[in-house]
C-alpha atoms as a PDB file:
ATOM      1  CA  UNK A   1      58.988 127.000  78.255  1.00  0.00           C
ATOM      2  CA  UNK A   2      62.524 126.241  77.093  1.00  0.00           C
ATOM      3  CA  UNK A   3      64.621 123.103  77.348  1.00  0.00           C
ATOM      4  CA  UNK A   4      67.525 121.957  79.507  1.00  0.00           C
ATOM      5  CA  UNK A   5      70.253 119.986  77.730  1.00  0.00           C
ATOM      6  CA  UNK A   6      72.925 118.227  79.786  1.00  0.00           C
ATOM      7  CA  UNK A   7      76.166 118.116  77.782  1.00  0.00           C
ATOM      8  CA  UNK A   8      79.232 116.065  78.724  1.00  0.00           C
ATOM      9  CA  UNK A   9      82.590 117.812  78.447  1.00  0.00           C
ATOM     10  CA  UNK A  10      84.638 114.624  78.430  1.00  0.00           C
ATOM     11  CA  UNK A  11      87.794 114.004  80.415  1.00  0.00           C
ATOM     12  CA  UNK A  12      90.641 116.403  79.724  1.00  0.00           C
ATOM     13  CA  UNK A  13      90.138 119.646  77.775  1.00  0.00           C
ATOM     14  CA  UNK A  14      87.712 121.590  75.591  1.00  0.00           C
ATOM     15  CA  UNK A  15      88.570 119.428  72.583  1.00  0.00           C
ATOM     16  CA  UNK A  16      86.772 116.512  74.246  1.00  0.00           C
ATOM     17  CA  UNK A  17      83.444 118.263  73.694  1.00  0.00           C
ATOM     18  CA  UNK A  18      81.604 116.322  70.983  1.00  0.00           C
ATOM     19  CA  UNK A  19      80.422 117.936  67.752  1.00  0.00           C
ATOM     20  CA  UNK A  20      76.822 117.353  68.856  1.00  0.00           C
ATOM     21  CA  UNK A  21      77.585 118.995  72.194  1.00  0.00           C
ATOM     22  CA  UNK A  22      79.224 121.948  70.464  1.00  0.00           C
ATOM     23  CA  UNK A  23      76.146 122.419  68.260  1.00  0.00           C
ATOM     24  CA  UNK A  24      73.908 122.457  71.333  1.00  0.00           C
ATOM     25  CA  UNK A  25      76.030 125.120  73.015  1.00  0.00           C
ATOM     26  CA  UNK A  26      76.185 127.328  69.942  1.00  0.00           C
ATOM     27  CA  UNK A  27      72.393 127.437  69.563  1.00  0.00           C
ATOM     28  CA  UNK A  28      71.651 127.836  73.271  1.00  0.00           C
ATOM     29  CA  UNK A  29      70.263 131.000  74.840  1.00  0.00           C
ATOM     30  CA  UNK A  30      71.952 130.314  78.173  1.00  0.00           C
ATOM     31  CA  UNK A  31      75.021 128.216  78.965  1.00  0.00           C
ATOM     32  CA  UNK A  32      76.125 127.061  82.412  1.00  0.00           C
ATOM     33  CA  UNK A  33      79.002 124.821  83.496  1.00  0.00           C
ATOM     34  CA  UNK A  34      80.250 123.171  86.659  1.00  0.00           C
ATOM     35  CA  UNK A  35      83.861 122.123  87.162  1.00  0.00           C
ATOM     36  CA  UNK A  36      83.749 120.783  90.709  1.00  0.00           C
ATOM     37  CA  UNK A  37      82.751 117.127  90.240  1.00  0.00           C
ATOM     38  CA  UNK A  38      85.991 116.323  88.400  1.00  0.00           C
ATOM     39  CA  UNK A  39      89.265 117.958  87.422  1.00  0.00           C
ATOM     40  CA  UNK A  40      89.713 118.604  83.689  1.00  0.00           C
ATOM     41  CA  UNK A  41      93.380 119.484  83.825  1.00  0.00           C
ATOM     42  CA  UNK A  42      93.655 120.851  80.288  1.00  0.00           C
ATOM     43  CA  UNK A  43      90.471 122.943  80.359  1.00  0.00           C
ATOM     44  CA  UNK A  44      90.115 126.672  80.875  1.00  0.00           C
ATOM     45  CA  UNK A  45      86.842 128.564  80.807  1.00  0.00           C
ATOM     46  CA  UNK A  46      88.373 131.150  78.479  1.00  0.00           C
ATOM     47  CA  UNK A  47      89.284 128.587  75.810  1.00  0.00           C
ATOM     48  CA  UNK A  48      85.914 126.910  76.147  1.00  0.00           C
ATOM     49  CA  UNK A  49      84.146 130.246  75.580  1.00  0.00           C
ATOM     50  CA  UNK A  50      86.357 130.962  72.575  1.00  0.00           C
ATOM     51  CA  UNK A  51      85.556 127.548  71.077  1.00  0.00           C
ATOM     52  CA  UNK A  52      81.807 127.862  71.574  1.00  0.00           C
ATOM     53  CA  UNK A  53      81.432 131.592  71.018  1.00  0.00           C
ATOM     54  CA  UNK A  54      79.262 131.780  74.134  1.00  0.00           C
ATOM     55  CA  UNK A  55      79.511 133.375  77.541  1.00  0.00           C
ATOM     56  CA  UNK A  56      79.485 130.533  80.064  1.00  0.00           C
ATOM     57  CA  UNK A  57      78.285 130.985  83.624  1.00  0.00           C
ATOM     58  CA  UNK A  58      80.245 128.856  86.092  1.00  0.00           C
ATOM     59  CA  UNK A  59      78.084 127.470  88.904  1.00  0.00           C
ATOM     60  CA  UNK A  60      79.359 126.283  92.274  1.00  0.00           C
ATOM     61  CA  UNK A  61      78.465 123.187  94.263  1.00  0.00           C
ATOM     62  CA  UNK A  62      76.453 125.386  96.632  1.00  0.00           C
ATOM     63  CA  UNK A  63      74.413 126.870  93.787  1.00  0.00           C
ATOM     64  CA  UNK A  64      73.489 123.422  92.543  1.00  0.00           C
ATOM     65  CA  UNK A  65      73.053 121.492  95.763  1.00  0.00           C
ATOM     66  CA  UNK A  66      71.912 124.015  98.369  1.00  0.00           C
ATOM     67  CA  UNK A  67      69.784 126.041  95.951  1.00  0.00           C
ATOM     68  CA  UNK A  68      68.615 122.973  93.966  1.00  0.00           C
ATOM     69  CA  UNK A  69      69.866 124.394  90.664  1.00  0.00           C
ATOM     70  CA  UNK A  70      67.370 127.283  90.825  1.00  0.00           C
ATOM     71  CA  UNK A  71      69.535 129.526  88.608  1.00  0.00           C
ATOM     72  CA  UNK A  72      69.668 126.941  85.820  1.00  0.00           C
ATOM     73  CA  UNK A  73      65.990 126.024  86.043  1.00  0.00           C
ATOM     74  CA  UNK A  74      64.929 129.680  85.850  1.00  0.00           C
ATOM     75  CA  UNK A  75      66.996 130.095  82.677  1.00  0.00           C
ATOM     76  CA  UNK A  76      65.519 126.906  81.182  1.00  0.00           C
ATOM     77  CA  UNK A  77      62.013 128.280  81.707  1.00  0.00           C
ATOM     78  CA  UNK A  78      62.939 131.234  79.481  1.00  0.00           C
ATOM     79  CA  UNK A  79      64.851 129.578  76.660  1.00  0.00           C
ATOM     80  CA  UNK A  80      67.193 126.916  75.366  1.00  0.00           C
ATOM     81  CA  UNK A  81      69.677 126.157  78.142  1.00  0.00           C
ATOM     82  CA  UNK A  82      72.797 124.002  78.191  1.00  0.00           C
ATOM     83  CA  UNK A  83      74.475 122.687  81.306  1.00  0.00           C
ATOM     84  CA  UNK A  84      78.077 121.575  80.710  1.00  0.00           C
ATOM     85  CA  UNK A  85      79.422 118.863  83.014  1.00  0.00           C
ATOM     86  CA  UNK A  86      82.818 117.087  83.158  1.00  0.00           C
ATOM     87  CA  UNK A  87      82.768 113.503  81.905  1.00  0.00           C
ATOM     88  CA  UNK A  88      79.330 112.048  81.218  1.00  0.00           C
ATOM     89  CA  UNK A  89      76.654 114.426  82.591  1.00  0.00           C
ATOM     90  CA  UNK A  90      74.612 112.167  84.826  1.00  0.00           C
ATOM     91  CA  UNK A  91      77.337 110.114  86.505  1.00  0.00           C
ATOM     92  CA  UNK A  92      77.135 112.667  89.340  1.00  0.00           C
ATOM     93  CA  UNK A  93      73.923 112.114  91.349  1.00  0.00           C
ATOM     94  CA  UNK A  94      73.582 115.879  91.862  1.00  0.00           C
ATOM     95  CA  UNK A  95      72.769 116.238  88.197  1.00  0.00           C
ATOM     96  CA  UNK A  96      70.208 113.431  88.207  1.00  0.00           C
ATOM     97  CA  UNK A  97      68.382 115.388  90.884  1.00  0.00           C
ATOM     98  CA  UNK A  98      68.495 118.532  88.704  1.00  0.00           C
ATOM     99  CA  UNK A  99      67.049 116.656  85.735  1.00  0.00           C
ATOM    100  CA  UNK A 100      64.215 115.269  87.854  1.00  0.00           C
ATOM    101  CA  UNK A 101      63.443 118.756  89.158  1.00  0.00           C
ATOM    102  CA  UNK A 102      63.364 120.113  85.604  1.00  0.00           C
ATOM    103  CA  UNK A 103      60.988 117.411  84.363  1.00  0.00           C
ATOM    104  CA  UNK A 104      58.678 117.925  87.357  1.00  0.00           C
ATOM    105  CA  UNK A 105      58.628 121.631  86.545  1.00  0.00           C
ATOM    106  CA  UNK A 106      57.533 120.868  82.976  1.00  0.00           C
ATOM    107  CA  UNK A 107      60.934 121.604  81.440  1.00  0.00           C
ATOM    108  CA  UNK A 108      61.969 119.146  78.758  1.00  0.00           C
ATOM    109  CA  UNK A 109      65.443 117.641  79.176  1.00  0.00           C
ATOM    110  CA  UNK A 110      67.910 115.879  76.907  1.00  0.00           C
ATOM    111  CA  UNK A 111      71.411 114.443  77.326  1.00  0.00           C
ATOM    112  CA  UNK A 112      74.471 114.673  75.088  1.00  0.00           C
ATOM    113  CA  UNK A 113      76.812 112.082  76.524  1.00  0.00           C
ATOM    114  CA  UNK A 114      80.549 112.540  76.911  1.00  0.00           C
ATOM    115  CA  UNK A 115      83.544 110.311  77.596  1.00  0.00           C
ATOM    116  CA  UNK A 116      83.446 108.994  81.164  1.00  0.00           C
ATOM    117  CA  UNK A 117      86.155 107.876  83.578  1.00  0.00           C
ATOM    118  CA  UNK A 118      84.080 104.711  84.015  1.00  0.00           C
ATOM    119  CA  UNK A 119      84.747 103.520  80.463  1.00  0.00           C
ATOM    120  CA  UNK A 120      88.152 105.204  80.194  1.00  0.00           C
ATOM    121  CA  UNK A 121      89.563 103.421  83.257  1.00  0.00           C
ATOM    122  CA  UNK A 122      88.488 100.069  81.874  1.00  0.00           C
ATOM    123  CA  UNK A 123      89.831 100.840  78.418  1.00  0.00           C
ATOM    124  CA  UNK A 124      93.211 102.092  79.638  1.00  0.00           C
ATOM    125  CA  UNK A 125      93.754  99.151  81.970  1.00  0.00           C
ATOM    126  CA  UNK A 126      92.368  96.435  79.683  1.00  0.00           C
ATOM    127  CA  UNK A 127      89.955  95.239  82.365  1.00  0.00           C
ATOM    128  CA  UNK A 128      86.561  93.892  81.279  1.00  0.00           C
ATOM    129  CA  UNK A 129      83.486  95.899  82.223  1.00  0.00           C
ATOM    130  CA  UNK A 130      81.375  92.937  83.296  1.00  0.00           C
ATOM    131  CA  UNK A 131      83.993  92.002  85.919  1.00  0.00           C
ATOM    132  CA  UNK A 132      83.310  95.145  87.986  1.00  0.00           C
ATOM    133  CA  UNK A 133      81.152  95.315  91.091  1.00  0.00           C
ATOM    134  CA  UNK A 134      79.728  98.346  92.838  1.00  0.00           C
ATOM    135  CA  UNK A 135      81.907 101.472  92.487  1.00  0.00           C
ATOM    136  CA  UNK A 136      82.772 103.764  95.385  1.00  0.00           C
ATOM    137  CA  UNK A 137      83.970 107.258  96.220  1.00  0.00           C
ATOM    138  CA  UNK A 138      86.853 107.574  98.674  1.00  0.00           C
ATOM    139  CA  UNK A 139      86.415 110.826 100.656  1.00  0.00           C
ATOM    140  CA  UNK A 140      89.006 112.963 102.412  1.00  0.00           C
ATOM    141  CA  UNK A 141      89.064 112.183 106.127  1.00  0.00           C
ATOM    142  CA  UNK A 142      90.415 115.490 107.521  1.00  0.00           C
ATOM    143  CA  UNK A 143      91.661 113.590 110.548  1.00  0.00           C
ATOM    144  CA  UNK A 144      88.156 112.504 111.441  1.00  0.00           C
ATOM    145  CA  UNK A 145      86.890 108.936 111.719  1.00  0.00           C
ATOM    146  CA  UNK A 146      86.989 107.423 108.240  1.00  0.00           C
ATOM    147  CA  UNK A 147      83.753 105.902 106.990  1.00  0.00           C
ATOM    148  CA  UNK A 148      83.997 102.124 106.690  1.00  0.00           C
ATOM    149  CA  UNK A 149      81.323 101.991 103.966  1.00  0.00           C
ATOM    150  CA  UNK A 150      83.728 102.211 100.980  1.00  0.00           C
ATOM    151  CA  UNK A 151      85.973  99.603 102.614  1.00  0.00           C
ATOM    152  CA  UNK A 152      83.057  97.239 103.162  1.00  0.00           C
ATOM    153  CA  UNK A 153      81.954  97.614  99.530  1.00  0.00           C
ATOM    154  CA  UNK A 154      85.436  96.732  98.284  1.00  0.00           C
ATOM    155  CA  UNK A 155      85.444  93.783 100.675  1.00  0.00           C
ATOM    156  CA  UNK A 156      82.106  92.523  99.294  1.00  0.00           C
ATOM    157  CA  UNK A 157      83.299  92.958  95.698  1.00  0.00           C
ATOM    158  CA  UNK A 158      86.486  91.033  96.422  1.00  0.00           C
ATOM    159  CA  UNK A 159      84.495  88.216  98.005  1.00  0.00           C
ATOM    160  CA  UNK A 160      82.525  87.980  94.749  1.00  0.00           C
ATOM    161  CA  UNK A 161      85.743  88.096  92.705  1.00  0.00           C
ATOM    162  CA  UNK A 162      84.882  91.519  91.253  1.00  0.00           C
ATOM    163  CA  UNK A 163      86.969  94.628  90.634  1.00  0.00           C
ATOM    164  CA  UNK A 164      86.145  97.946  92.330  1.00  0.00           C
ATOM    165  CA  UNK A 165      86.395 101.293  90.548  1.00  0.00           C
ATOM    166  CA  UNK A 166      87.222 104.025  93.073  1.00  0.00           C
ATOM    167  CA  UNK A 167      86.445 107.673  92.418  1.00  0.00           C
ATOM    168  CA  UNK A 168      88.825 109.828  94.471  1.00  0.00           C
ATOM    169  CA  UNK A 169      87.538 112.864  96.334  1.00  0.00           C
ATOM    170  CA  UNK A 170      87.638 116.270  94.633  1.00  0.00           C
ATOM    171  CA  UNK A 171      87.351 119.601  96.429  1.00  0.00           C
ATOM    172  CA  UNK A 172      87.761 121.994  93.532  1.00  0.00           C
ATOM    173  CA  UNK A 173      87.088 125.109  95.605  1.00  0.00           C
ATOM    174  CA  UNK A 174      90.084 124.209  97.785  1.00  0.00           C
ATOM    175  CA  UNK A 175      92.130 122.893  94.848  1.00  0.00           C
ATOM    176  CA  UNK A 176      92.405 119.553  96.633  1.00  0.00           C
ATOM    177  CA  UNK A 177      92.409 116.374  94.603  1.00  0.00           C
ATOM    178  CA  UNK A 178      92.921 113.031  96.314  1.00  0.00           C
ATOM    179  CA  UNK A 179      95.905 111.027  95.082  1.00  0.00           C
ATOM    180  CA  UNK A 180      96.250 107.277  94.665  1.00  0.00           C
ATOM    181  CA  UNK A 181      98.749 107.272  97.527  1.00  0.00           C
ATOM    182  CA  UNK A 182      96.272 108.978  99.887  1.00  0.00           C
ATOM    183  CA  UNK A 183      93.485 106.589  98.896  1.00  0.00           C
ATOM    184  CA  UNK A 184      95.618 103.500  99.446  1.00  0.00           C
ATOM    185  CA  UNK A 185      96.863 104.742 102.812  1.00  0.00           C
ATOM    186  CA  UNK A 186      93.250 105.300 103.902  1.00  0.00           C
ATOM    187  CA  UNK A 187      92.192 101.770 102.979  1.00  0.00           C
ATOM    188  CA  UNK A 188      95.239 100.074 104.454  1.00  0.00           C
ATOM    189  CA  UNK A 189      94.708 102.006 107.709  1.00  0.00           C
ATOM    190  CA  UNK A 190      91.070 100.870 107.908  1.00  0.00           C
ATOM    191  CA  UNK A 191      92.147  97.271 107.297  1.00  0.00           C
ATOM    192  CA  UNK A 192      94.688  97.468 110.112  1.00  0.00           C
ATOM    193  CA  UNK A 193      92.138  99.030 112.453  1.00  0.00           C
ATOM    194  CA  UNK A 194      89.691  96.209 111.702  1.00  0.00           C
ATOM    195  CA  UNK A 195      92.528  93.676 112.072  1.00  0.00           C
ATOM    196  CA  UNK A 196      91.635  92.156 108.719  1.00  0.00           C
ATOM    197  CA  UNK A 197      93.809  90.908 105.878  1.00  0.00           C
ATOM    198  CA  UNK A 198      91.301  91.907 103.167  1.00  0.00           C
ATOM    199  CA  UNK A 199      92.895  95.142 101.966  1.00  0.00           C
ATOM    200  CA  UNK A 200      96.605  95.219 102.723  1.00  0.00           C
ATOM    201  CA  UNK A 201      99.827  96.533 101.243  1.00  0.00           C
ATOM    202  CA  UNK A 202     100.289  93.208  99.422  1.00  0.00           C
ATOM    203  CA  UNK A 203      97.040  93.265  97.422  1.00  0.00           C
ATOM    204  CA  UNK A 204      96.992  94.183  93.744  1.00  0.00           C
ATOM    205  CA  UNK A 205      95.496  97.426  92.440  1.00  0.00           C
ATOM    206  CA  UNK A 206      95.655  99.668  89.385  1.00  0.00           C
ATOM    207  CA  UNK A 207      96.370 103.381  89.504  1.00  0.00           C
ATOM    208  CA  UNK A 208      95.377 105.663  86.620  1.00  0.00           C
ATOM    209  CA  UNK A 209      96.291 109.324  86.255  1.00  0.00           C
ATOM    210  CA  UNK A 210      95.074 111.925  83.737  1.00  0.00           C
ATOM    211  CA  UNK A 211      92.764 109.651  81.759  1.00  0.00           C
ATOM    212  CA  UNK A 212      91.773 111.309  78.495  1.00  0.00           C
ATOM    213  CA  UNK A 213      95.024 113.236  78.116  1.00  0.00           C
ATOM    214  CA  UNK A 214      97.771 112.447  75.618  1.00  0.00           C
ATOM    215  CA  UNK A 215      99.984 111.212  78.451  1.00  0.00           C
ATOM    216  CA  UNK A 216      97.933 109.120  80.886  1.00  0.00           C
ATOM    217  CA  UNK A 217      99.779 107.015  83.442  1.00  0.00           C
ATOM    218  CA  UNK A 218      98.553 103.476  84.130  1.00  0.00           C
ATOM    219  CA  UNK A 219     100.298 101.238  86.638  1.00  0.00           C
ATOM    220  CA  UNK A 220      99.301  97.909  88.166  1.00  0.00           C
ATOM    221  CA  UNK A 221     101.132  96.402  91.130  1.00  0.00           C
ATOM    222  CA  UNK A 222     100.761  95.537  94.779  1.00  0.00           C
ATOM    223  CA  UNK A 223      99.640  98.468  96.935  1.00  0.00           C
ATOM    224  CA  UNK A 224     103.027  98.665  98.641  1.00  0.00           C
ATOM    225  CA  UNK A 225     104.715  99.413  95.293  1.00  0.00           C
ATOM    226  CA  UNK A 226     101.979 101.805  94.146  1.00  0.00           C
ATOM    227  CA  UNK A 227     102.426 103.840  97.333  1.00  0.00           C
ATOM    228  CA  UNK A 228     105.942 104.735  96.175  1.00  0.00           C
ATOM    229  CA  UNK A 229     105.123 105.214  92.496  1.00  0.00           C
ATOM    230  CA  UNK A 230     104.952 108.785  91.146  1.00  0.00           C
ATOM    231  CA  UNK A 231     101.700 109.076  89.178  1.00  0.00           C
ATOM    232  CA  UNK A 232     102.208 112.775  88.516  1.00  0.00           C
ATOM    233  CA  UNK A 233      99.463 115.365  88.400  1.00  0.00           C
ATOM    234  CA  UNK A 234      95.791 114.595  89.100  1.00  0.00           C
ATOM    235  CA  UNK A 235      93.106 113.551  88.472  1.00  0.00           C
ATOM    236  CA  UNK A 236      93.794 110.068  89.828  1.00  0.00           C
ATOM    237  CA  UNK A 237      91.626 106.953  89.780  1.00  0.00           C
ATOM    238  CA  UNK A 238      92.112 103.674  91.644  1.00  0.00           C
ATOM    239  CA  UNK A 239      90.934 100.144  90.898  1.00  0.00           C
ATOM    240  CA  UNK A 240      91.089  97.281  93.385  1.00  0.00           C
ATOM    241  CA  UNK A 241      91.427  93.978  91.551  1.00  0.00           C
ATOM    242  CA  UNK A 242      89.282  90.906  92.054  1.00  0.00           C
ATOM    243  CA  UNK A 243      89.686  87.681  90.079  1.00  0.00           C
ATOM    244  CA  UNK A 244      91.172  88.225  86.635  1.00  0.00           C
ATOM    245  CA  UNK A 245      90.306  86.696  83.302  1.00  0.00           C
ATOM    246  CA  UNK A 246      93.556  85.485  81.725  1.00  0.00           C
ATOM    247  CA  UNK A 247      93.177  88.178  79.049  1.00  0.00           C
ATOM    248  CA  UNK A 248      92.902  90.850  81.753  1.00  0.00           C
ATOM    249  CA  UNK A 249      96.125  89.615  83.324  1.00  0.00           C
ATOM    250  CA  UNK A 250      97.882  89.818  79.953  1.00  0.00           C
ATOM    251  CA  UNK A 251      96.505  93.316  79.384  1.00  0.00           C
ATOM    252  CA  UNK A 252      97.732  94.559  82.769  1.00  0.00           C
ATOM    253  CA  UNK A 253     101.210  93.172  82.110  1.00  0.00           C
ATOM    254  CA  UNK A 254     101.319  94.750  78.632  1.00  0.00           C
ATOM    255  CA  UNK A 255      99.458  98.002  79.248  1.00  0.00           C
ATOM    256  CA  UNK A 256     100.054  98.742  82.937  1.00  0.00           C
ATOM    257  CA  UNK A 257     103.537  97.332  83.471  1.00  0.00           C
ATOM    258  CA  UNK A 258     102.201  94.809  85.988  1.00  0.00           C
ATOM    259  CA  UNK A 259     104.561  92.146  87.340  1.00  0.00           C
ATOM    260  CA  UNK A 260     104.155  88.620  86.011  1.00  0.00           C
ATOM    261  CA  UNK A 261     103.007  87.553  89.494  1.00  0.00           C
ATOM    262  CA  UNK A 262      99.679  89.277  88.844  1.00  0.00           C
ATOM    263  CA  UNK A 263      98.769  86.160  86.880  1.00  0.00           C
ATOM    264  CA  UNK A 264      97.974  84.430  90.173  1.00  0.00           C
ATOM    265  CA  UNK A 265      94.721  86.419  90.240  1.00  0.00           C
ATOM    266  CA  UNK A 266      93.624  84.855  86.950  1.00  0.00           C
ATOM    267  CA  UNK A 267      91.241  81.928  86.835  1.00  0.00           C
END
């Protein structure tokens, strides 16, 4: 029986792979990777294979979710196997399920953590991690009825004075990556439909683009202004702001070009 090692790729390109992660890949018998849970704009499979000296098998969402990771588990039964994942490996619940399946099958597992958008978004914006509530994913609507669950979570976080980190939908197979503008429009539309003043064009939020790259964009302002701001290429991340510590307000003004009026959110 072999071993399955989950290795985080980080946020932007192959250079985000840690030295420990690189060592694991180089001594592995089988190497798999998925690139559908997040967009790593600077990464190509060819450069990653050149860096590691290994042939890497790219697995699709269907292979992992519909087939329960059978391909990876079969390899791990035979020898040392590495599964490369954008960001930190087990942020995506799909991969938690794969690890549980491996352990139940008697396959030992380990994790080599990587940089995550969770910590990067907080670091880039200057917001404090203990001021965040439950995070959400904002899905594409495709013209269908939009789920109110993410909206209600943001609403509950705001009531508690907490920030909300929003992961924006990714459909890698279709090359579709939700933008901050699309996410804000979705939330404002739900607020109007519910005839509530909780999430409106006048509330403050933070938009982050290309975290982990040399040129990330971080902007804090009211939603109305963010709707017209050009964040550039994806991936994008959105944060709805709750009550601010005075240091957070200063950080947003200095690091995210927020207007001085954002100070009204500070205690």
